[in-house]
PDB file of all heavy atoms in Angstrom:
ATOM      1  N   PHE A   1       0.858  -1.185   0.013  1.00  0.00           N
ATOM      2  CA  PHE A   1      -0.048   0.028   0.029  1.00  0.00           C
ATOM      3  C   PHE A   1       0.888   1.329  -0.008  1.00  0.00           C
ATOM      4  O   PHE A   1       0.599   2.178  -0.730  1.00  0.00           O
ATOM      5  CB  PHE A   1      -0.949   0.002   1.228  1.00  0.00           C
ATOM      6  CG  PHE A   1      -1.695   1.125   1.339  1.00  0.00           C
ATOM      7  CD1 PHE A   1      -2.786   1.565   0.697  1.00  0.00           C
ATOM      8  CD2 PHE A   1      -1.395   2.082   2.419  1.00  0.00           C
ATOM      9  CE1 PHE A   1      -3.554   2.809   0.753  1.00  0.00           C
ATOM     10  CE2 PHE A   1      -1.931   3.325   2.570  1.00  0.00           C
ATOM     11  CZ  PHE A   1      -3.139   3.607   1.763  1.00  0.00           C
ATOM     12  N   LYS A   2       1.973   1.227   0.780  1.00  0.00           N
ATOM     13  CA  LYS A   2       2.897   2.350   0.875  1.00  0.00           C
ATOM     14  C   LYS A   2       3.436   2.656  -0.585  1.00  0.00           C
ATOM     15  O   LYS A   2       3.487   3.771  -0.989  1.00  0.00           O
ATOM     16  CB  LYS A   2       4.061   2.122   1.852  1.00  0.00           C
ATOM     17  CG  LYS A   2       5.057   3.231   1.913  1.00  0.00           C
ATOM     18  CD  LYS A   2       6.210   2.826   2.805  1.00  0.00           C
ATOM     19  CE  LYS A   2       7.152   1.819   1.899  1.00  0.00           C
ATOM     20  NZ  LYS A   2       8.444   1.537   2.629  1.00  0.00           N
ATOM     21  N   GLN A   3       3.804   1.611  -1.203  1.00  0.00           N
ATOM     22  CA  GLN A   3       4.493   1.822  -2.491  1.00  0.00           C
ATOM     23  C   GLN A   3       3.400   2.300  -3.509  1.00  0.00           C
ATOM     24  O   GLN A   3       3.743   3.165  -4.410  1.00  0.00           O
ATOM     25  CB  GLN A   3       5.015   0.415  -3.092  1.00  0.00           C
ATOM     26  CG  GLN A   3       5.997   0.585  -4.244  1.00  0.00           C
ATOM     27  CD  GLN A   3       7.208   1.478  -3.822  1.00  0.00           C
ATOM     28  OE1 GLN A   3       7.818   1.246  -2.811  1.00  0.00           O
ATOM     29  NE2 GLN A   3       7.559   2.385  -4.719  1.00  0.00           N
ATOM     30  N   GLN A   4       2.187   1.854  -3.558  1.00  0.00           N
ATOM     31  CA  GLN A   4       1.164   2.410  -4.303  1.00  0.00           C
ATOM     32  C   GLN A   4       0.908   3.928  -4.125  1.00  0.00           C
ATOM     33  O   GLN A   4       0.830   4.733  -5.010  1.00  0.00           O
ATOM     34  CB  GLN A   4      -0.077   1.594  -4.139  1.00  0.00           C
ATOM     35  CG  GLN A   4      -0.039   0.234  -4.567  1.00  0.00           C
ATOM     36  CD  GLN A   4      -1.323  -0.576  -4.234  1.00  0.00           C
ATOM     37  OE1 GLN A   4      -2.318  -0.008  -3.685  1.00  0.00           O
ATOM     38  NE2 GLN A   4      -1.435  -1.839  -4.586  1.00  0.00           N
ATOM     39  N   VAL A   5       0.911   4.219  -2.738  1.00  0.00           N
ATOM     40  CA  VAL A   5       0.789   5.696  -2.527  1.00  0.00           C
ATOM     41  C   VAL A   5       1.861   6.592  -2.981  1.00  0.00           C
ATOM     42  O   VAL A   5       1.716   7.553  -3.597  1.00  0.00           O
ATOM     43  CB  VAL A   5       0.562   5.919  -0.865  1.00  0.00           C
ATOM     44  CG1 VAL A   5       0.593   7.307  -0.512  1.00  0.00           C
ATOM     45  CG2 VAL A   5      -0.715   5.227  -0.357  1.00  0.00           C
ATOM     46  N   LEU A   6       3.097   6.110  -2.681  1.00  0.00           N
ATOM     47  CA  LEU A   6       4.324   6.829  -3.117  1.00  0.00           C
ATOM     48  C   LEU A   6       4.471   6.941  -4.611  1.00  0.00           C
ATOM     49  O   LEU A   6       5.069   7.825  -5.168  1.00  0.00           O
ATOM     50  CB  LEU A   6       5.649   6.262  -2.424  1.00  0.00           C
ATOM     51  CG  LEU A   6       5.673   6.293  -1.010  1.00  0.00           C
ATOM     52  CD1 LEU A   6       6.971   5.728  -0.439  1.00  0.00           C
ATOM     53  CD2 LEU A   6       5.624   7.696  -0.436  1.00  0.00           C
ATOM     54  N   ASP A   7       4.017   5.895  -5.361  1.00  0.00           N
ATOM     55  CA  ASP A   7       4.114   5.920  -6.857  1.00  0.00           C
ATOM     56  C   ASP A   7       3.012   6.738  -7.421  1.00  0.00           C
ATOM     57  O   ASP A   7       3.029   6.920  -8.656  1.00  0.00           O
ATOM     58  CB  ASP A   7       3.969   4.494  -7.345  1.00  0.00           C
ATOM     59  CG  ASP A   7       5.142   3.708  -7.014  1.00  0.00           C
ATOM     60  OD1 ASP A   7       6.300   4.240  -6.658  1.00  0.00           O
ATOM     61  OD2 ASP A   7       5.119   2.371  -7.013  1.00  0.00           O
ATOM     62  N   HIS A   8       2.045   7.288  -6.719  1.00  0.00           N
ATOM     63  CA  HIS A   8       0.957   8.083  -7.243  1.00  0.00           C
ATOM     64  C   HIS A   8       1.612   9.424  -7.769  1.00  0.00           C
ATOM     65  O   HIS A   8       2.426   9.975  -7.001  1.00  0.00           O
ATOM     66  CB  HIS A   8      -0.139   8.336  -6.216  1.00  0.00           C
ATOM     67  CG  HIS A   8      -1.388   8.878  -6.768  1.00  0.00           C
ATOM     68  ND1 HIS A   8      -1.448  10.233  -7.043  1.00  0.00           N
ATOM     69  CD2 HIS A   8      -2.520   8.220  -7.074  1.00  0.00           C
ATOM     70  CE1 HIS A   8      -2.720  10.434  -7.635  1.00  0.00           C
ATOM     71  NE2 HIS A   8      -3.360   9.140  -7.583  1.00  0.00           N
ATOM     72  N   PRO A   9       1.151   9.857  -9.012  1.00  0.00           N
ATOM     73  CA  PRO A   9       1.803  11.133  -9.450  1.00  0.00           C
ATOM     74  C   PRO A   9       1.542  12.392  -8.398  1.00  0.00           C
ATOM     75  O   PRO A   9       2.463  13.233  -8.315  1.00  0.00           O
ATOM     76  CB  PRO A   9       0.995  11.426 -10.702  1.00  0.00           C
ATOM     77  CG  PRO A   9       0.503   9.990 -11.117  1.00  0.00           C
ATOM     78  CD  PRO A   9       0.222   9.172  -9.828  1.00  0.00           C
ATOM     79  N   ALA A  10       0.535  12.309  -7.713  1.00  0.00           N
ATOM     80  CA  ALA A  10       0.385  13.509  -6.754  1.00  0.00           C
ATOM     81  C   ALA A  10       1.413  13.514  -5.675  1.00  0.00           C
ATOM     82  O   ALA A  10       1.732  14.639  -5.263  1.00  0.00           O
ATOM     83  CB  ALA A  10      -1.077  13.448  -6.229  1.00  0.00           C
ATOM     84  N   VAL A  11       1.677  12.279  -5.313  1.00  0.00           N
ATOM     85  CA  VAL A  11       2.786  12.262  -4.160  1.00  0.00           C
ATOM     86  C   VAL A  11       4.095  12.561  -4.768  1.00  0.00           C
ATOM     87  O   VAL A  11       4.940  13.225  -4.040  1.00  0.00           O
ATOM     88  CB  VAL A  11       2.665  10.824  -3.503  1.00  0.00           C
ATOM     89  CG1 VAL A  11       3.738  10.704  -2.515  1.00  0.00           C
ATOM     90  CG2 VAL A  11       1.393  10.600  -2.790  1.00  0.00           C
ATOM     91  N   GLN A  12       4.408  12.067  -5.974  1.00  0.00           N
ATOM     92  CA  GLN A  12       5.695  12.327  -6.641  1.00  0.00           C
ATOM     93  C   GLN A  12       5.976  13.760  -6.742  1.00  0.00           C
ATOM     94  O   GLN A  12       6.986  14.199  -6.630  1.00  0.00           O
ATOM     95  CB  GLN A  12       5.718  11.593  -8.019  1.00  0.00           C
ATOM     96  CG  GLN A  12       5.669  10.131  -7.925  1.00  0.00           C
ATOM     97  CD  GLN A  12       7.054   9.536  -7.474  1.00  0.00           C
ATOM     98  OE1 GLN A  12       8.057  10.181  -7.638  1.00  0.00           O
ATOM     99  NE2 GLN A  12       6.884   8.474  -6.764  1.00  0.00           N
ATOM    100  N   ASN A  13       4.839  14.537  -7.011  1.00  0.00           N
ATOM    101  CA  ASN A  13       4.983  15.998  -7.180  1.00  0.00           C
ATOM    102  C   ASN A  13       4.865  16.794  -5.875  1.00  0.00           C
ATOM    103  O   ASN A  13       4.652  18.016  -5.852  1.00  0.00           O
ATOM    104  CB  ASN A  13       3.963  16.633  -8.206  1.00  0.00           C
ATOM    105  CG  ASN A  13       4.314  15.923  -9.592  1.00  0.00           C
ATOM    106  OD1 ASN A  13       5.510  15.691  -9.873  1.00  0.00           O
ATOM    107  ND2 ASN A  13       3.307  15.703 -10.344  1.00  0.00           N
ATOM    108  N   LEU A  14       4.633  16.101  -4.690  1.00  0.00           N
ATOM    109  CA  LEU A  14       4.234  16.652  -3.419  1.00  0.00           C
ATOM    110  C   LEU A  14       5.308  17.664  -2.936  1.00  0.00           C
ATOM    111  O   LEU A  14       4.989  18.836  -2.566  1.00  0.00           O
ATOM    112  CB  LEU A  14       4.140  15.543  -2.334  1.00  0.00           C
ATOM    113  CG  LEU A  14       3.768  16.070  -1.005  1.00  0.00           C
ATOM    114  CD1 LEU A  14       2.516  16.779  -0.909  1.00  0.00           C
ATOM    115  CD2 LEU A  14       3.832  14.965   0.005  1.00  0.00           C
ATOM    116  N   ALA A  15       6.595  17.347  -3.116  1.00  0.00           N
ATOM    117  CA  ALA A  15       7.870  18.070  -2.711  1.00  0.00           C
ATOM    118  C   ALA A  15       7.687  19.533  -3.375  1.00  0.00           C
ATOM    119  O   ALA A  15       7.698  20.517  -2.865  1.00  0.00           O
ATOM    120  CB  ALA A  15       8.991  17.441  -2.671  1.00  0.00           C
ATOM    121  N   GLY A  16       7.627  19.387  -4.659  1.00  0.00           N
ATOM    122  CA  GLY A  16       7.534  20.606  -5.543  1.00  0.00           C
ATOM    123  C   GLY A  16       6.306  21.392  -5.281  1.00  0.00           C
ATOM    124  O   GLY A  16       6.439  22.723  -5.154  1.00  0.00           O
ATOM    125  N   SER A  17       5.182  20.951  -5.020  1.00  0.00           N
ATOM    126  CA  SER A  17       3.942  21.690  -4.794  1.00  0.00           C
ATOM    127  C   SER A  17       3.930  22.178  -3.374  1.00  0.00           C
ATOM    128  O   SER A  17       3.615  23.333  -3.161  1.00  0.00           O
ATOM    129  CB  SER A  17       2.711  20.738  -4.917  1.00  0.00           C
ATOM    130  OG  SER A  17       2.703  19.746  -4.076  1.00  0.00           O
ATOM    131  N   VAL A  18       4.555  21.487  -2.405  1.00  0.00           N
ATOM    132  CA  VAL A  18       4.693  21.974  -1.036  1.00  0.00           C
ATOM    133  C   VAL A  18       5.609  23.121  -1.036  1.00  0.00           C
ATOM    134  O   VAL A  18       5.336  24.287  -0.495  1.00  0.00           O
ATOM    135  CB  VAL A  18       5.061  20.887  -0.066  1.00  0.00           C
ATOM    136  CG1 VAL A  18       5.469  21.436   1.292  1.00  0.00           C
ATOM    137  CG2 VAL A  18       4.045  19.855   0.188  1.00  0.00           C
ATOM    138  N   TRP A  19       6.760  23.013  -1.632  1.00  0.00           N
ATOM    139  CA  TRP A  19       7.580  24.262  -1.613  1.00  0.00           C
ATOM    140  C   TRP A  19       7.103  25.500  -2.372  1.00  0.00           C
ATOM    141  O   TRP A  19       7.259  26.525  -1.890  1.00  0.00           O
ATOM    142  CB  TRP A  19       9.059  23.775  -2.288  1.00  0.00           C
ATOM    143  CG  TRP A  19       9.978  25.016  -2.742  1.00  0.00           C
ATOM    144  CD1 TRP A  19      10.409  25.505  -3.836  1.00  0.00           C
ATOM    145  CD2 TRP A  19      10.422  25.954  -1.715  1.00  0.00           C
ATOM    146  NE1 TRP A  19      11.120  26.473  -3.766  1.00  0.00           N
ATOM    147  CE2 TRP A  19      11.161  26.916  -2.366  1.00  0.00           C
ATOM    148  CE3 TRP A  19      10.257  26.049  -0.353  1.00  0.00           C
ATOM    149  CZ2 TRP A  19      11.870  27.905  -1.847  1.00  0.00           C
ATOM    150  CZ3 TRP A  19      10.965  27.108   0.293  1.00  0.00           C
ATOM    151  CH2 TRP A  19      11.736  28.025  -0.484  1.00  0.00           C
ATOM    152  N   SER A  20       6.425  25.172  -3.503  1.00  0.00           N
ATOM    153  CA  SER A  20       5.788  26.220  -4.244  1.00  0.00           C
ATOM    154  C   SER A  20       4.929  27.216  -3.360  1.00  0.00           C
ATOM    155  O   SER A  20       4.807  28.250  -3.343  1.00  0.00           O
ATOM    156  CB  SER A  20       5.208  25.726  -5.559  1.00  0.00           C
ATOM    157  OG  SER A  20       6.097  25.199  -6.418  1.00  0.00           O
ATOM    158  N   ARG A  21       4.075  26.308  -2.672  1.00  0.00           N
ATOM    159  CA  ARG A  21       3.051  26.946  -1.760  1.00  0.00           C
ATOM    160  C   ARG A  21       3.724  27.729  -0.647  1.00  0.00           C
ATOM    161  O   ARG A  21       3.353  28.791  -0.347  1.00  0.00           O
ATOM    162  CB  ARG A  21       2.113  25.868  -1.185  1.00  0.00           C
ATOM    163  CG  ARG A  21       1.073  26.414  -0.331  1.00  0.00           C
ATOM    164  CD  ARG A  21       0.155  27.387  -1.083  1.00  0.00           C
ATOM    165  NE  ARG A  21      -0.971  27.933  -0.251  1.00  0.00           N
ATOM    166  CZ  ARG A  21      -1.630  29.019  -0.465  1.00  0.00           C
ATOM    167  NH1 ARG A  21      -1.357  29.729  -1.598  1.00  0.00           N
ATOM    168  NH2 ARG A  21      -2.593  29.416   0.336  1.00  0.00           N
ATOM    169  N   ILE A  22       4.678  26.985   0.034  1.00  0.00           N
ATOM    170  CA  ILE A  22       5.335  27.625   1.149  1.00  0.00           C
ATOM    171  C   ILE A  22       6.123  28.839   0.638  1.00  0.00           C
ATOM    172  O   ILE A  22       6.054  29.988   1.205  1.00  0.00           O
ATOM    173  CB  ILE A  22       6.360  26.670   1.700  1.00  0.00           C
ATOM    174  CG1 ILE A  22       5.607  25.562   2.411  1.00  0.00           C
ATOM    175  CG2 ILE A  22       7.250  27.343   2.771  1.00  0.00           C
ATOM    176  CD1 ILE A  22       6.499  24.451   3.034  1.00  0.00           C
ATOM    177  N   LYS A  23       6.752  28.747  -0.504  1.00  0.00           N
ATOM    178  CA  LYS A  23       7.551  29.984  -1.077  1.00  0.00           C
ATOM    179  C   LYS A  23       6.679  31.111  -1.303  1.00  0.00           C
ATOM    180  O   LYS A  23       6.879  32.283  -1.048  1.00  0.00           O
ATOM    181  CB  LYS A  23       8.145  29.560  -2.319  1.00  0.00           C
ATOM    182  CG  LYS A  23       9.051  30.529  -3.099  1.00  0.00           C
ATOM    183  CD  LYS A  23       9.655  30.161  -4.303  1.00  0.00           C
ATOM    184  CE  LYS A  23      10.444  31.144  -4.930  1.00  0.00           C
ATOM    185  NZ  LYS A  23      11.041  30.799  -6.290  1.00  0.00           N
ATOM    186  N   GLN A  24       5.414  30.931  -1.887  1.00  0.00           N
ATOM    187  CA  GLN A  24       4.549  31.969  -2.190  1.00  0.00           C
ATOM    188  C   GLN A  24       3.918  32.624  -0.892  1.00  0.00           C
ATOM    189  O   GLN A  24       3.873  33.828  -0.776  1.00  0.00           O
ATOM    190  CB  GLN A  24       3.381  31.336  -3.036  1.00  0.00           C
ATOM    191  CG  GLN A  24       2.455  32.597  -3.623  1.00  0.00           C
ATOM    192  CD  GLN A  24       3.308  33.489  -4.543  1.00  0.00           C
ATOM    193  OE1 GLN A  24       4.130  33.012  -5.374  1.00  0.00           O
ATOM    194  NE2 GLN A  24       3.131  34.747  -4.294  1.00  0.00           N
ATOM    195  N   LEU A  25       3.682  31.670   0.063  1.00  0.00           N
ATOM    196  CA  LEU A  25       3.253  32.246   1.359  1.00  0.00           C
ATOM    197  C   LEU A  25       4.336  33.158   2.008  1.00  0.00           C
ATOM    198  O   LEU A  25       3.961  34.259   2.621  1.00  0.00           O
ATOM    199  CB  LEU A  25       2.864  31.131   2.249  1.00  0.00           C
ATOM    200  CG  LEU A  25       1.570  30.393   1.971  1.00  0.00           C
ATOM    201  CD1 LEU A  25       1.487  29.130   2.875  1.00  0.00           C
ATOM    202  CD2 LEU A  25       0.460  31.184   1.998  1.00  0.00           C
ATOM    203  N   ILE A  26       5.540  32.733   1.904  1.00  0.00           N
ATOM    204  CA  ILE A  26       6.583  33.575   2.575  1.00  0.00           C
ATOM    205  C   ILE A  26       6.608  34.921   1.872  1.00  0.00           C
ATOM    206  O   ILE A  26       6.947  35.872   2.515  1.00  0.00           O
ATOM    207  CB  ILE A  26       7.935  32.760   2.478  1.00  0.00           C
ATOM    208  CG1 ILE A  26       7.832  31.439   3.466  1.00  0.00           C
ATOM    209  CG2 ILE A  26       9.133  33.561   3.043  1.00  0.00           C
ATOM    210  CD1 ILE A  26       9.019  30.645   3.489  1.00  0.00           C
ATOM    211  N   LEU A  27       6.854  34.844   0.487  1.00  0.00           N
ATOM    212  CA  LEU A  27       6.956  35.955  -0.296  1.00  0.00           C
ATOM    213  C   LEU A  27       5.779  36.986  -0.039  1.00  0.00           C
ATOM    214  O   LEU A  27       6.049  38.222   0.158  1.00  0.00           O
ATOM    215  CB  LEU A  27       7.119  35.742  -1.726  1.00  0.00           C
ATOM    216  CG  LEU A  27       8.384  35.021  -2.096  1.00  0.00           C
ATOM    217  CD1 LEU A  27       8.220  34.711  -3.592  1.00  0.00           C
ATOM    218  CD2 LEU A  27       9.518  35.903  -1.939  1.00  0.00           C
ATOM    219  N   ASP A  28       4.556  36.471  -0.012  1.00  0.00           N
ATOM    220  CA  ASP A  28       3.374  37.260   0.260  1.00  0.00           C
ATOM    221  C   ASP A  28       3.413  37.938   1.660  1.00  0.00           C
ATOM    222  O   ASP A  28       3.145  39.113   1.735  1.00  0.00           O
ATOM    223  CB  ASP A  28       2.100  36.465   0.011  1.00  0.00           C
ATOM    224  CG  ASP A  28       1.916  36.028  -1.401  1.00  0.00           C
ATOM    225  OD1 ASP A  28       2.509  36.736  -2.256  1.00  0.00           O
ATOM    226  OD2 ASP A  28       1.069  35.104  -1.594  1.00  0.00           O
ATOM    227  N   ALA A  29       3.811  37.092   2.531  1.00  0.00           N
ATOM    228  CA  ALA A  29       3.777  37.621   4.061  1.00  0.00           C
ATOM    229  C   ALA A  29       4.917  38.638   4.142  1.00  0.00           C
ATOM    230  O   ALA A  29       4.815  39.709   4.906  1.00  0.00           O
ATOM    231  CB  ALA A  29       3.958  36.483   4.969  1.00  0.00           C
ATOM    232  N   ALA A  30       6.082  38.461   3.584  1.00  0.00           N
ATOM    233  CA  ALA A  30       7.223  39.243   3.718  1.00  0.00           C
ATOM    234  C   ALA A  30       6.945  40.578   2.918  1.00  0.00           C
ATOM    235  O   ALA A  30       7.429  41.704   3.351  1.00  0.00           O
ATOM    236  CB  ALA A  30       8.444  38.651   3.162  1.00  0.00           C
ATOM    237  N   GLU A  31       6.186  40.609   1.838  1.00  0.00           N
ATOM    238  CA  GLU A  31       5.917  41.783   1.036  1.00  0.00           C
ATOM    239  C   GLU A  31       4.895  42.689   1.621  1.00  0.00           C
ATOM    240  O   GLU A  31       4.908  43.829   1.575  1.00  0.00           O
ATOM    241  CB  GLU A  31       5.476  41.336  -0.469  1.00  0.00           C
ATOM    242  CG  GLU A  31       5.467  42.511  -1.393  1.00  0.00           C
ATOM    243  CD  GLU A  31       6.794  43.047  -1.749  1.00  0.00           C
ATOM    244  OE1 GLU A  31       7.685  42.187  -1.755  1.00  0.00           O
ATOM    245  OE2 GLU A  31       6.837  44.137  -2.079  1.00  0.00           O
ATOM    246  N   ASP A  32       3.886  42.175   2.335  1.00  0.00           N
ATOM    247  CA  ASP A  32       2.769  42.868   2.927  1.00  0.00           C
ATOM    248  C   ASP A  32       3.116  43.396   4.405  1.00  0.00           C
ATOM    249  O   ASP A  32       3.240  42.492   5.244  1.00  0.00           O
ATOM    250  CB  ASP A  32       1.538  41.990   2.868  1.00  0.00           C
ATOM    251  CG  ASP A  32       0.259  42.804   3.396  1.00  0.00           C
ATOM    252  OD1 ASP A  32       0.465  44.070   3.557  1.00  0.00           O
ATOM    253  OD2 ASP A  32      -0.669  42.185   3.611  1.00  0.00           O
ATOM    254  N   PRO A  33       3.292  44.628   4.575  1.00  0.00           N
ATOM    255  CA  PRO A  33       3.586  45.120   5.946  1.00  0.00           C
ATOM    256  C   PRO A  33       2.511  44.762   7.018  1.00  0.00           C
ATOM    257  O   PRO A  33       2.711  44.774   8.102  1.00  0.00           O
ATOM    258  CB  PRO A  33       3.739  46.632   5.797  1.00  0.00           C
ATOM    259  CG  PRO A  33       4.039  46.927   4.246  1.00  0.00           C
ATOM    260  CD  PRO A  33       3.293  45.748   3.551  1.00  0.00           C
TER     261      PRO A  33
END
């Protein structure tokens, strides 16, 4: 079951999507006084 979950495309792209979201949140928060 673990292997099936990790092989899913959504999980494969999880790191990239998580960083993109975190990066945008940081930039928005830092930009807005």
